[in-house]
């Protein structure tokens, strides 16, 4: 049994914050932001536009594309770092809003890699025969935990949601010509926790807190580690790098590196 992706859906808030807008808020410039991230503008949720609101809209669009009914969904996994409340889970709010029957619904908190973790969790539920149609959502209102006076973070993070629907399909093991999730690898290194964190939490100071990031160190670590993980997944799939048509990092690392090389900042 394998997981095939049969539909996608996404949602972005209508409000847009440009680099020019940020120039009026903090000591930064369009040139500085674009040079380091490639970002020209970002979508920002307005008051009342919570994580669950965005997740529900993305899920509705994915469900419409799939041709399935809410009653076909037996698993919901939402990846989020900014839930509406500590509990109930955003997944349960999606379940109620879409009229999905009683079943498995929970959130996963793995920050930037959250969607990849959620996708892997849903894939394993399907492989174990515990679900046939899984709704997997990544949704965050990152602006709710930003310090708008910190130019190193407020220019990078924004709001939105994306959803996919996975379907259980039978197929030959190891046949990568068939659609589906063929290999994955998840990693975490808690020893690097002081490079990117939020300075608040329910059990520490009962505050939401703000994002604190040491960007240069995060970038160096993430790029080198991602390269190794890609190699491991290719090896597990029996696929060579020359066979890959698309490599899609979960953030802007690839753009950042290629842009800096073209500009003469890096070589090799």
C-alpha atoms as a PDB file:
ATOM      1  CA  UNK A   1       0.000   0.000   0.000  1.00  0.00           C
ATOM      2  CA  UNK A   2       1.270   3.458  -0.842  1.00  0.00           C
ATOM      3  CA  UNK A   3       0.082   7.071  -0.559  1.00  0.00           C
ATOM      4  CA  UNK A   4      -0.786   8.959  -3.729  1.00  0.00           C
ATOM      5  CA  UNK A   5      -1.411  12.695  -3.782  1.00  0.00           C
ATOM      6  CA  UNK A   6      -4.719  13.313  -5.529  1.00  0.00           C
ATOM      7  CA  UNK A   7      -5.473  16.978  -4.769  1.00  0.00           C
ATOM      8  CA  UNK A   8      -4.018  20.214  -3.471  1.00  0.00           C
ATOM      9  CA  UNK A   9      -5.482  23.448  -2.168  1.00  0.00           C
ATOM     10  CA  UNK A  10      -4.057  26.665  -0.784  1.00  0.00           C
ATOM     11  CA  UNK A  11      -5.059  29.929   0.826  1.00  0.00           C
ATOM     12  CA  UNK A  12      -3.275  33.258   1.253  1.00  0.00           C
ATOM     13  CA  UNK A  13      -4.644  36.304   3.069  1.00  0.00           C
ATOM     14  CA  UNK A  14      -5.613  39.222   0.841  1.00  0.00           C
ATOM     15  CA  UNK A  15      -3.542  41.755   2.765  1.00  0.00           C
ATOM     16  CA  UNK A  16      -0.057  42.187   1.289  1.00  0.00           C
ATOM     17  CA  UNK A  17       2.922  43.742   3.035  1.00  0.00           C
ATOM     18  CA  UNK A  18       5.632  44.873   0.629  1.00  0.00           C
ATOM     19  CA  UNK A  19       9.297  45.590   1.255  1.00  0.00           C
ATOM     20  CA  UNK A  20       8.471  49.260   0.763  1.00  0.00           C
ATOM     21  CA  UNK A  21       5.987  48.991   3.629  1.00  0.00           C
ATOM     22  CA  UNK A  22       8.624  47.414   5.851  1.00  0.00           C
ATOM     23  CA  UNK A  23      11.075  50.204   5.037  1.00  0.00           C
ATOM     24  CA  UNK A  24       8.708  52.504   6.929  1.00  0.00           C
ATOM     25  CA  UNK A  25       8.568  50.178   9.940  1.00  0.00           C
ATOM     26  CA  UNK A  26      12.158  49.044  10.556  1.00  0.00           C
ATOM     27  CA  UNK A  27      15.700  49.871   9.481  1.00  0.00           C
ATOM     28  CA  UNK A  28      15.767  47.842   6.258  1.00  0.00           C
ATOM     29  CA  UNK A  29      15.517  48.250   2.494  1.00  0.00           C
ATOM     30  CA  UNK A  30      14.035  46.443  -0.472  1.00  0.00           C
ATOM     31  CA  UNK A  31      17.546  45.777  -1.790  1.00  0.00           C
ATOM     32  CA  UNK A  32      18.711  44.290   1.521  1.00  0.00           C
ATOM     33  CA  UNK A  33      15.682  41.981   1.803  1.00  0.00           C
ATOM     34  CA  UNK A  34      15.733  40.793  -1.822  1.00  0.00           C
ATOM     35  CA  UNK A  35      19.476  40.212  -1.780  1.00  0.00           C
ATOM     36  CA  UNK A  36      19.220  37.940   1.251  1.00  0.00           C
ATOM     37  CA  UNK A  37      15.907  36.189   0.677  1.00  0.00           C
ATOM     38  CA  UNK A  38      14.436  36.916  -2.760  1.00  0.00           C
ATOM     39  CA  UNK A  39      11.259  38.160  -1.051  1.00  0.00           C
ATOM     40  CA  UNK A  40       9.464  41.209  -2.495  1.00  0.00           C
ATOM     41  CA  UNK A  41       6.190  40.963  -0.583  1.00  0.00           C
ATOM     42  CA  UNK A  42       4.351  38.714   1.836  1.00  0.00           C
ATOM     43  CA  UNK A  43       0.733  37.927   2.783  1.00  0.00           C
ATOM     44  CA  UNK A  44      -0.423  38.952   6.247  1.00  0.00           C
ATOM     45  CA  UNK A  45      -3.555  37.748   8.015  1.00  0.00           C
ATOM     46  CA  UNK A  46      -5.898  40.370   9.428  1.00  0.00           C
ATOM     47  CA  UNK A  47      -7.639  40.318  12.799  1.00  0.00           C
ATOM     48  CA  UNK A  48      -9.908  37.281  13.061  1.00  0.00           C
ATOM     49  CA  UNK A  49      -8.114  35.481  10.241  1.00  0.00           C
ATOM     50  CA  UNK A  50      -6.747  32.731  12.459  1.00  0.00           C
ATOM     51  CA  UNK A  51      -4.700  29.670  11.578  1.00  0.00           C
ATOM     52  CA  UNK A  52      -7.811  27.483  11.548  1.00  0.00           C
ATOM     53  CA  UNK A  53      -9.626  29.908   9.219  1.00  0.00           C
ATOM     54  CA  UNK A  54      -6.791  29.661   6.700  1.00  0.00           C
ATOM     55  CA  UNK A  55      -6.480  25.887   7.148  1.00  0.00           C
ATOM     56  CA  UNK A  56     -10.202  25.385   6.557  1.00  0.00           C
ATOM     57  CA  UNK A  57     -10.139  27.417   3.329  1.00  0.00           C
ATOM     58  CA  UNK A  58      -7.152  25.508   1.964  1.00  0.00           C
ATOM     59  CA  UNK A  59      -8.783  22.205   2.910  1.00  0.00           C
ATOM     60  CA  UNK A  60     -12.076  23.158   1.240  1.00  0.00           C
ATOM     61  CA  UNK A  61     -10.246  23.842  -2.021  1.00  0.00           C
ATOM     62  CA  UNK A  62      -8.322  20.569  -1.880  1.00  0.00           C
ATOM     63  CA  UNK A  63     -11.499  18.628  -1.134  1.00  0.00           C
ATOM     64  CA  UNK A  64     -13.267  20.263  -4.089  1.00  0.00           C
ATOM     65  CA  UNK A  65     -10.437  19.330  -6.458  1.00  0.00           C
ATOM     66  CA  UNK A  66     -10.348  15.729  -5.193  1.00  0.00           C
ATOM     67  CA  UNK A  67     -13.983  15.023  -6.000  1.00  0.00           C
ATOM     68  CA  UNK A  68     -14.329  13.333  -2.612  1.00  0.00           C
ATOM     69  CA  UNK A  69     -16.958  14.102   0.003  1.00  0.00           C
ATOM     70  CA  UNK A  70     -16.115  15.029   3.609  1.00  0.00           C
ATOM     71  CA  UNK A  71     -17.324  11.569   4.631  1.00  0.00           C
ATOM     72  CA  UNK A  72     -14.462   9.993   2.660  1.00  0.00           C
ATOM     73  CA  UNK A  73     -11.812  11.590   4.867  1.00  0.00           C
ATOM     74  CA  UNK A  74     -10.720   9.410   7.793  1.00  0.00           C
ATOM     75  CA  UNK A  75      -7.529  11.200   8.867  1.00  0.00           C
ATOM     76  CA  UNK A  76      -6.642  14.880   9.336  1.00  0.00           C
ATOM     77  CA  UNK A  77      -3.131  15.999  10.236  1.00  0.00           C
ATOM     78  CA  UNK A  78      -2.394  19.715  10.565  1.00  0.00           C
ATOM     79  CA  UNK A  79       1.146  21.039  10.840  1.00  0.00           C
ATOM     80  CA  UNK A  80       1.200  24.324  12.715  1.00  0.00           C
ATOM     81  CA  UNK A  81       3.292  26.301  15.165  1.00  0.00           C
ATOM     82  CA  UNK A  82       0.599  28.923  15.718  1.00  0.00           C
ATOM     83  CA  UNK A  83      -2.648  27.155  16.698  1.00  0.00           C
ATOM     84  CA  UNK A  84      -5.696  29.255  17.569  1.00  0.00           C
ATOM     85  CA  UNK A  85      -5.541  27.859  21.097  1.00  0.00           C
ATOM     86  CA  UNK A  86      -3.286  25.471  23.009  1.00  0.00           C
ATOM     87  CA  UNK A  87      -6.149  23.017  22.493  1.00  0.00           C
ATOM     88  CA  UNK A  88      -8.376  21.868  20.849  1.00  0.00           C
ATOM     89  CA  UNK A  89      -6.259  21.045  17.819  1.00  0.00           C
ATOM     90  CA  UNK A  90      -6.624  23.019  14.603  1.00  0.00           C
ATOM     91  CA  UNK A  91      -7.300  19.641  12.940  1.00  0.00           C
ATOM     92  CA  UNK A  92     -10.448  19.187  15.031  1.00  0.00           C
ATOM     93  CA  UNK A  93     -11.660  22.639  13.970  1.00  0.00           C
ATOM     94  CA  UNK A  94     -11.128  21.710  10.328  1.00  0.00           C
ATOM     95  CA  UNK A  95     -13.006  18.477  10.946  1.00  0.00           C
ATOM     96  CA  UNK A  96     -16.001  20.293  12.429  1.00  0.00           C
ATOM     97  CA  UNK A  97     -16.078  23.052   9.811  1.00  0.00           C
ATOM     98  CA  UNK A  98     -15.992  20.657   6.850  1.00  0.00           C
ATOM     99  CA  UNK A  99     -18.428  18.158   8.345  1.00  0.00           C
ATOM    100  CA  UNK A 100     -15.895  15.343   8.381  1.00  0.00           C
ATOM    101  CA  UNK A 101     -17.126  12.396  10.497  1.00  0.00           C
ATOM    102  CA  UNK A 102     -15.574  11.332  13.790  1.00  0.00           C
ATOM    103  CA  UNK A 103     -12.111   9.969  13.093  1.00  0.00           C
ATOM    104  CA  UNK A 104      -8.425  10.699  13.576  1.00  0.00           C
ATOM    105  CA  UNK A 105      -7.581  14.412  13.816  1.00  0.00           C
ATOM    106  CA  UNK A 106      -4.539  15.967  15.439  1.00  0.00           C
ATOM    107  CA  UNK A 107      -1.827  18.615  15.040  1.00  0.00           C
ATOM    108  CA  UNK A 108       1.914  18.220  14.504  1.00  0.00           C
ATOM    109  CA  UNK A 109       4.361  20.888  15.708  1.00  0.00           C
ATOM    110  CA  UNK A 110       7.671  20.785  13.845  1.00  0.00           C
ATOM    111  CA  UNK A 111       7.892  24.462  12.804  1.00  0.00           C
ATOM    112  CA  UNK A 112       9.489  24.925   9.345  1.00  0.00           C
ATOM    113  CA  UNK A 113       9.530  21.176   8.642  1.00  0.00           C
ATOM    114  CA  UNK A 114       6.017  20.713   9.986  1.00  0.00           C
ATOM    115  CA  UNK A 115       4.325  19.916   6.695  1.00  0.00           C
ATOM    116  CA  UNK A 116       6.972  17.332   5.800  1.00  0.00           C
ATOM    117  CA  UNK A 117       6.498  15.699   9.196  1.00  0.00           C
ATOM    118  CA  UNK A 118       2.704  15.745   8.839  1.00  0.00           C
ATOM    119  CA  UNK A 119       2.913  14.247   5.353  1.00  0.00           C
ATOM    120  CA  UNK A 120       5.174  11.469   6.603  1.00  0.00           C
ATOM    121  CA  UNK A 121       2.866  10.725   9.539  1.00  0.00           C
ATOM    122  CA  UNK A 122      -0.163  10.490   7.247  1.00  0.00           C
ATOM    123  CA  UNK A 123       1.786   8.305   4.805  1.00  0.00           C
ATOM    124  CA  UNK A 124       2.574   5.846   7.593  1.00  0.00           C
ATOM    125  CA  UNK A 125      -1.067   5.746   8.718  1.00  0.00           C
ATOM    126  CA  UNK A 126      -2.007   4.786   5.160  1.00  0.00           C
ATOM    127  CA  UNK A 127       0.748   2.182   4.872  1.00  0.00           C
ATOM    128  CA  UNK A 128      -0.408   0.679   8.174  1.00  0.00           C
ATOM    129  CA  UNK A 129      -3.940   0.373   6.817  1.00  0.00           C
ATOM    130  CA  UNK A 130      -5.387   2.768   9.392  1.00  0.00           C
ATOM    131  CA  UNK A 131      -6.553   5.374   6.859  1.00  0.00           C
ATOM    132  CA  UNK A 132      -7.572   5.464   3.211  1.00  0.00           C
ATOM    133  CA  UNK A 133      -8.003   9.197   2.601  1.00  0.00           C
ATOM    134  CA  UNK A 134      -5.844  11.641   4.540  1.00  0.00           C
ATOM    135  CA  UNK A 135      -6.152  15.412   4.616  1.00  0.00           C
ATOM    136  CA  UNK A 136      -2.757  16.954   5.380  1.00  0.00           C
ATOM    137  CA  UNK A 137      -2.511  20.688   6.015  1.00  0.00           C
ATOM    138  CA  UNK A 138       0.298  23.123   6.730  1.00  0.00           C
ATOM    139  CA  UNK A 139      -1.005  26.392   8.187  1.00  0.00           C
ATOM    140  CA  UNK A 140       0.568  29.185  10.189  1.00  0.00           C
ATOM    141  CA  UNK A 141      -0.056  32.754  11.244  1.00  0.00           C
ATOM    142  CA  UNK A 142       3.616  33.504  11.845  1.00  0.00           C
ATOM    143  CA  UNK A 143       2.979  37.235  12.058  1.00  0.00           C
ATOM    144  CA  UNK A 144       1.322  36.579  15.422  1.00  0.00           C
ATOM    145  CA  UNK A 145       4.708  35.678  16.948  1.00  0.00           C
ATOM    146  CA  UNK A 146       6.865  38.279  15.192  1.00  0.00           C
ATOM    147  CA  UNK A 147       8.667  41.167  16.819  1.00  0.00           C
ATOM    148  CA  UNK A 148       7.991  43.908  14.277  1.00  0.00           C
ATOM    149  CA  UNK A 149      11.021  45.801  15.542  1.00  0.00           C
ATOM    150  CA  UNK A 150      13.369  42.933  14.668  1.00  0.00           C
ATOM    151  CA  UNK A 151      14.405  43.395  11.046  1.00  0.00           C
ATOM    152  CA  UNK A 152      16.124  39.986  10.919  1.00  0.00           C
ATOM    153  CA  UNK A 153      12.830  38.105  11.338  1.00  0.00           C
ATOM    154  CA  UNK A 154       9.896  40.367  10.447  1.00  0.00           C
ATOM    155  CA  UNK A 155      11.006  40.491   6.793  1.00  0.00           C
ATOM    156  CA  UNK A 156      11.024  36.687   6.419  1.00  0.00           C
ATOM    157  CA  UNK A 157       7.860  35.267   7.955  1.00  0.00           C
ATOM    158  CA  UNK A 158       4.217  35.603   6.911  1.00  0.00           C
ATOM    159  CA  UNK A 159       0.869  33.773   6.875  1.00  0.00           C
ATOM    160  CA  UNK A 160      -0.951  31.179   4.787  1.00  0.00           C
ATOM    161  CA  UNK A 161      -2.058  27.573   4.419  1.00  0.00           C
ATOM    162  CA  UNK A 162      -1.668  24.664   2.027  1.00  0.00           C
ATOM    163  CA  UNK A 163      -3.448  21.319   1.931  1.00  0.00           C
ATOM    164  CA  UNK A 164      -3.131  17.999   0.143  1.00  0.00           C
ATOM    165  CA  UNK A 165      -5.234  14.859   0.090  1.00  0.00           C
ATOM    166  CA  UNK A 166      -3.565  11.457   0.083  1.00  0.00           C
ATOM    167  CA  UNK A 167      -5.278   8.299  -1.111  1.00  0.00           C
ATOM    168  CA  UNK A 168      -4.327   4.697  -0.376  1.00  0.00           C
ATOM    169  CA  UNK A 169      -3.369   2.792  -3.535  1.00  0.00           C
ATOM    170  CA  UNK A 170      -1.963  -0.657  -4.155  1.00  0.00           C
ATOM    171  CA  UNK A 171       1.258  -0.949  -6.114  1.00  0.00           C
ATOM    172  CA  UNK A 172       4.584  -2.707  -6.534  1.00  0.00           C
ATOM    173  CA  UNK A 173       7.126  -1.877  -3.844  1.00  0.00           C
ATOM    174  CA  UNK A 174      10.127   0.016  -5.181  1.00  0.00           C
ATOM    175  CA  UNK A 175       8.491   0.966  -8.496  1.00  0.00           C
ATOM    176  CA  UNK A 176       9.139   4.725  -8.672  1.00  0.00           C
ATOM    177  CA  UNK A 177       7.418   4.945 -12.063  1.00  0.00           C
ATOM    178  CA  UNK A 178       4.128   4.749 -10.177  1.00  0.00           C
ATOM    179  CA  UNK A 179       2.774   7.864  -8.456  1.00  0.00           C
ATOM    180  CA  UNK A 180       3.099   8.067  -4.717  1.00  0.00           C
ATOM    181  CA  UNK A 181       5.395   8.756  -1.793  1.00  0.00           C
ATOM    182  CA  UNK A 182       8.343   6.422  -2.253  1.00  0.00           C
ATOM    183  CA  UNK A 183      10.857   7.437   0.403  1.00  0.00           C
ATOM    184  CA  UNK A 184      11.272   9.933   3.210  1.00  0.00           C
ATOM    185  CA  UNK A 185      13.653  10.810   6.005  1.00  0.00           C
ATOM    186  CA  UNK A 186      12.936  12.987   9.011  1.00  0.00           C
ATOM    187  CA  UNK A 187      15.638  14.520  11.178  1.00  0.00           C
ATOM    188  CA  UNK A 188      15.892  16.796  14.190  1.00  0.00           C
ATOM    189  CA  UNK A 189      18.862  18.058  16.166  1.00  0.00           C
ATOM    190  CA  UNK A 190      17.835  19.509  19.496  1.00  0.00           C
ATOM    191  CA  UNK A 191      21.393  20.637  20.184  1.00  0.00           C
ATOM    192  CA  UNK A 192      20.834  23.455  17.668  1.00  0.00           C
ATOM    193  CA  UNK A 193      17.709  24.714  19.430  1.00  0.00           C
ATOM    194  CA  UNK A 194      19.238  28.044  20.402  1.00  0.00           C
ATOM    195  CA  UNK A 195      19.628  29.066  16.735  1.00  0.00           C
ATOM    196  CA  UNK A 196      15.901  29.510  16.121  1.00  0.00           C
ATOM    197  CA  UNK A 197      13.255  29.600  18.832  1.00  0.00           C
ATOM    198  CA  UNK A 198      10.364  31.514  20.390  1.00  0.00           C
ATOM    199  CA  UNK A 199      11.051  33.193  23.729  1.00  0.00           C
ATOM    200  CA  UNK A 200       7.719  32.210  25.254  1.00  0.00           C
ATOM    201  CA  UNK A 201       5.480  29.233  25.973  1.00  0.00           C
ATOM    202  CA  UNK A 202       2.595  28.007  28.170  1.00  0.00           C
ATOM    203  CA  UNK A 203       4.773  26.112  30.669  1.00  0.00           C
ATOM    204  CA  UNK A 204       7.682  28.572  30.791  1.00  0.00           C
ATOM    205  CA  UNK A 205       6.281  32.081  31.076  1.00  0.00           C
ATOM    206  CA  UNK A 206       2.660  31.750  29.908  1.00  0.00           C
ATOM    207  CA  UNK A 207       3.444  34.122  27.039  1.00  0.00           C
ATOM    208  CA  UNK A 208       3.136  33.644  23.281  1.00  0.00           C
ATOM    209  CA  UNK A 209       6.622  35.068  22.771  1.00  0.00           C
ATOM    210  CA  UNK A 210       8.437  36.179  19.635  1.00  0.00           C
ATOM    211  CA  UNK A 211      10.693  34.468  17.118  1.00  0.00           C
ATOM    212  CA  UNK A 212      14.416  34.761  17.822  1.00  0.00           C
ATOM    213  CA  UNK A 213      16.737  33.686  15.009  1.00  0.00           C
ATOM    214  CA  UNK A 214      20.452  33.591  14.308  1.00  0.00           C
ATOM    215  CA  UNK A 215      19.954  33.648  10.559  1.00  0.00           C
ATOM    216  CA  UNK A 216      23.472  33.082   9.260  1.00  0.00           C
ATOM    217  CA  UNK A 217      23.977  29.975  11.406  1.00  0.00           C
ATOM    218  CA  UNK A 218      20.509  28.619  10.559  1.00  0.00           C
ATOM    219  CA  UNK A 219      21.185  29.006   6.848  1.00  0.00           C
ATOM    220  CA  UNK A 220      24.567  27.267   6.952  1.00  0.00           C
ATOM    221  CA  UNK A 221      23.257  24.364   8.991  1.00  0.00           C
ATOM    222  CA  UNK A 222      20.045  23.899   7.009  1.00  0.00           C
ATOM    223  CA  UNK A 223      21.665  23.896   3.567  1.00  0.00           C
ATOM    224  CA  UNK A 224      24.370  21.387   4.470  1.00  0.00           C
ATOM    225  CA  UNK A 225      21.963  19.100   6.321  1.00  0.00           C
ATOM    226  CA  UNK A 226      19.339  19.194   3.576  1.00  0.00           C
ATOM    227  CA  UNK A 227      21.897  18.080   0.998  1.00  0.00           C
ATOM    228  CA  UNK A 228      22.683  14.974   3.047  1.00  0.00           C
ATOM    229  CA  UNK A 229      19.022  14.119   3.564  1.00  0.00           C
ATOM    230  CA  UNK A 230      18.341  14.413  -0.189  1.00  0.00           C
ATOM    231  CA  UNK A 231      21.179  11.992  -0.892  1.00  0.00           C
ATOM    232  CA  UNK A 232      19.783   9.499   1.624  1.00  0.00           C
ATOM    233  CA  UNK A 233      16.270   9.663   0.138  1.00  0.00           C
ATOM    234  CA  UNK A 234      17.573   9.199  -3.394  1.00  0.00           C
ATOM    235  CA  UNK A 235      19.565   6.163  -2.276  1.00  0.00           C
ATOM    236  CA  UNK A 236      16.509   4.692  -0.530  1.00  0.00           C
ATOM    237  CA  UNK A 237      14.484   5.163  -3.729  1.00  0.00           C
ATOM    238  CA  UNK A 238      17.132   3.768  -6.039  1.00  0.00           C
ATOM    239  CA  UNK A 239      17.048   7.013  -8.028  1.00  0.00           C
ATOM    240  CA  UNK A 240      20.103   8.912  -9.260  1.00  0.00           C
ATOM    241  CA  UNK A 241      20.379  12.723  -9.050  1.00  0.00           C
ATOM    242  CA  UNK A 242      20.373  12.937 -12.868  1.00  0.00           C
ATOM    243  CA  UNK A 243      16.839  11.505 -12.926  1.00  0.00           C
ATOM    244  CA  UNK A 244      15.393  14.312 -10.804  1.00  0.00           C
ATOM    245  CA  UNK A 245      13.466  17.005 -12.693  1.00  0.00           C
ATOM    246  CA  UNK A 246      12.355  19.071  -9.702  1.00  0.00           C
ATOM    247  CA  UNK A 247      13.978  19.805  -6.352  1.00  0.00           C
ATOM    248  CA  UNK A 248      11.737  21.950  -4.165  1.00  0.00           C
ATOM    249  CA  UNK A 249      13.185  23.057  -0.806  1.00  0.00           C
ATOM    250  CA  UNK A 250      10.625  23.950   1.854  1.00  0.00           C
ATOM    251  CA  UNK A 251      11.990  27.512   2.061  1.00  0.00           C
ATOM    252  CA  UNK A 252      14.133  29.937   0.112  1.00  0.00           C
ATOM    253  CA  UNK A 253      17.540  28.317   0.688  1.00  0.00           C
ATOM    254  CA  UNK A 254      18.077  27.325  -2.946  1.00  0.00           C
ATOM    255  CA  UNK A 255      17.209  30.785  -4.243  1.00  0.00           C
ATOM    256  CA  UNK A 256      19.322  32.433  -1.589  1.00  0.00           C
ATOM    257  CA  UNK A 257      22.405  30.402  -2.385  1.00  0.00           C
ATOM    258  CA  UNK A 258      22.126  30.693  -6.178  1.00  0.00           C
ATOM    259  CA  UNK A 259      21.452  34.436  -5.929  1.00  0.00           C
ATOM    260  CA  UNK A 260      24.495  35.030  -3.747  1.00  0.00           C
ATOM    261  CA  UNK A 261      26.688  32.996  -6.093  1.00  0.00           C
ATOM    262  CA  UNK A 262      25.537  35.020  -9.110  1.00  0.00           C
ATOM    263  CA  UNK A 263      26.168  38.232  -7.206  1.00  0.00           C
ATOM    264  CA  UNK A 264      29.717  37.118  -6.437  1.00  0.00           C
ATOM    265  CA  UNK A 265      29.232  36.583  -2.686  1.00  0.00           C
ATOM    266  CA  UNK A 266      29.930  32.865  -2.789  1.00  0.00           C
ATOM    267  CA  UNK A 267      31.802  30.456  -5.016  1.00  0.00           C
ATOM    268  CA  UNK A 268      31.833  26.721  -5.435  1.00  0.00           C
END
